[in-house]
Amino acid sequence: MEGDIGLNRFLVLNAAVPNSYTEIRPRFRVNARPEDLPRIRELAEFSPVFNLQSN
């Protein structure tokens, strides 16, 4: 997983800026049969990263 974090608040450069990531880029590889893909997609929706990316 890669991400870009805003360091303004973290380094106390600007207290008005939220202390958070501006981009998160998850990557993963799954070895599965093609007929398993719908179930894998269903299970991925429980991931906190999926929630962050979709909202």
C-alpha atoms as a PDB file:
ATOM      1  CA  MET A   1       0.000   0.000   0.000  1.00  0.00           C
ATOM      2  CA  GLU A   2       1.238   3.468  -0.867  1.00  0.00           C
ATOM      3  CA  GLY A   3      -0.057   6.800   0.349  1.00  0.00           C
ATOM      4  CA  ASP A   4       0.603  10.523   0.373  1.00  0.00           C
ATOM      5  CA  ILE A   5       0.344  12.097   3.793  1.00  0.00           C
ATOM      6  CA  GLY A   6      -0.084  15.801   4.460  1.00  0.00           C
ATOM      7  CA  LEU A   7       2.840  16.728   6.701  1.00  0.00           C
ATOM      8  CA  ASN A   8       1.813  20.321   7.435  1.00  0.00           C
ATOM      9  CA  ARG A   9       0.068  19.423  10.683  1.00  0.00           C
ATOM     10  CA  PHE A  10       2.360  16.486  11.485  1.00  0.00           C
ATOM     11  CA  LEU A  11       5.395  18.802  11.381  1.00  0.00           C
ATOM     12  CA  VAL A  12       3.429  21.592  13.102  1.00  0.00           C
ATOM     13  CA  LEU A  13       3.694  23.821  10.028  1.00  0.00           C
ATOM     14  CA  ASN A  14      -0.041  24.539   9.883  1.00  0.00           C
ATOM     15  CA  ALA A  15      -2.394  23.431  12.698  1.00  0.00           C
ATOM     16  CA  ALA A  16      -5.472  24.231  10.558  1.00  0.00           C
ATOM     17  CA  VAL A  17      -4.709  21.429   8.068  1.00  0.00           C
ATOM     18  CA  PRO A  18      -6.072  17.964   8.906  1.00  0.00           C
ATOM     19  CA  ASN A  19      -3.579  15.277   9.864  1.00  0.00           C
ATOM     20  CA  SER A  20      -4.421  12.706   7.202  1.00  0.00           C
ATOM     21  CA  TYR A  21      -3.569  11.018   3.933  1.00  0.00           C
ATOM     22  CA  THR A  22      -4.483  12.775   0.697  1.00  0.00           C
ATOM     23  CA  GLU A  23      -4.141   9.641  -1.458  1.00  0.00           C
ATOM     24  CA  ILE A  24      -4.061   5.926  -0.701  1.00  0.00           C
ATOM     25  CA  ARG A  25      -3.171   3.454  -3.428  1.00  0.00           C
ATOM     26  CA  PRO A  26      -3.721  -0.164  -2.424  1.00  0.00           C
ATOM     27  CA  ARG A  27      -2.416  -2.942  -4.642  1.00  0.00           C
ATOM     28  CA  PHE A  28      -2.762  -6.642  -4.150  1.00  0.00           C
ATOM     29  CA  ARG A  29      -2.516  -9.874  -6.068  1.00  0.00           C
ATOM     30  CA  VAL A  30      -4.821 -12.831  -5.577  1.00  0.00           C
ATOM     31  CA  ASN A  31      -4.316 -16.305  -6.969  1.00  0.00           C
ATOM     32  CA  ALA A  32      -7.816 -17.623  -7.586  1.00  0.00           C
ATOM     33  CA  ARG A  33      -9.992 -19.366 -10.078  1.00  0.00           C
ATOM     34  CA  PRO A  34     -12.160 -17.074 -12.249  1.00  0.00           C
ATOM     35  CA  GLU A  35     -15.338 -18.496 -10.709  1.00  0.00           C
ATOM     36  CA  ASP A  36     -14.117 -17.315  -7.257  1.00  0.00           C
ATOM     37  CA  LEU A  37     -13.893 -13.638  -8.272  1.00  0.00           C
ATOM     38  CA  PRO A  38     -17.467 -12.660  -7.259  1.00  0.00           C
ATOM     39  CA  ARG A  39     -16.862 -14.027  -3.732  1.00  0.00           C
ATOM     40  CA  ILE A  40     -13.488 -12.272  -3.504  1.00  0.00           C
ATOM     41  CA  ARG A  41     -15.100  -8.958  -4.482  1.00  0.00           C
ATOM     42  CA  GLU A  42     -17.813  -9.514  -1.880  1.00  0.00           C
ATOM     43  CA  LEU A  43     -15.239 -10.184   0.842  1.00  0.00           C
ATOM     44  CA  ALA A  44     -13.155  -7.140  -0.160  1.00  0.00           C
ATOM     45  CA  GLU A  45     -16.055  -4.888   0.857  1.00  0.00           C
ATOM     46  CA  PHE A  46     -15.255  -5.692   4.516  1.00  0.00           C
ATOM     47  CA  SER A  47     -11.818  -4.104   4.166  1.00  0.00           C
ATOM     48  CA  PRO A  48     -11.255  -0.743   5.913  1.00  0.00           C
ATOM     49  CA  VAL A  49      -9.220   0.320   2.864  1.00  0.00           C
ATOM     50  CA  PHE A  50     -12.182  -0.435   0.584  1.00  0.00           C
ATOM     51  CA  ASN A  51     -14.381   1.690   2.830  1.00  0.00           C
ATOM     52  CA  LEU A  52     -11.912   4.562   2.742  1.00  0.00           C
ATOM     53  CA  GLN A  53     -11.518   4.371  -1.038  1.00  0.00           C
ATOM     54  CA  SER A  54     -15.247   4.138  -1.791  1.00  0.00           C
ATOM     55  CA  ASN A  55     -16.420   6.981   0.487  1.00  0.00           C
END
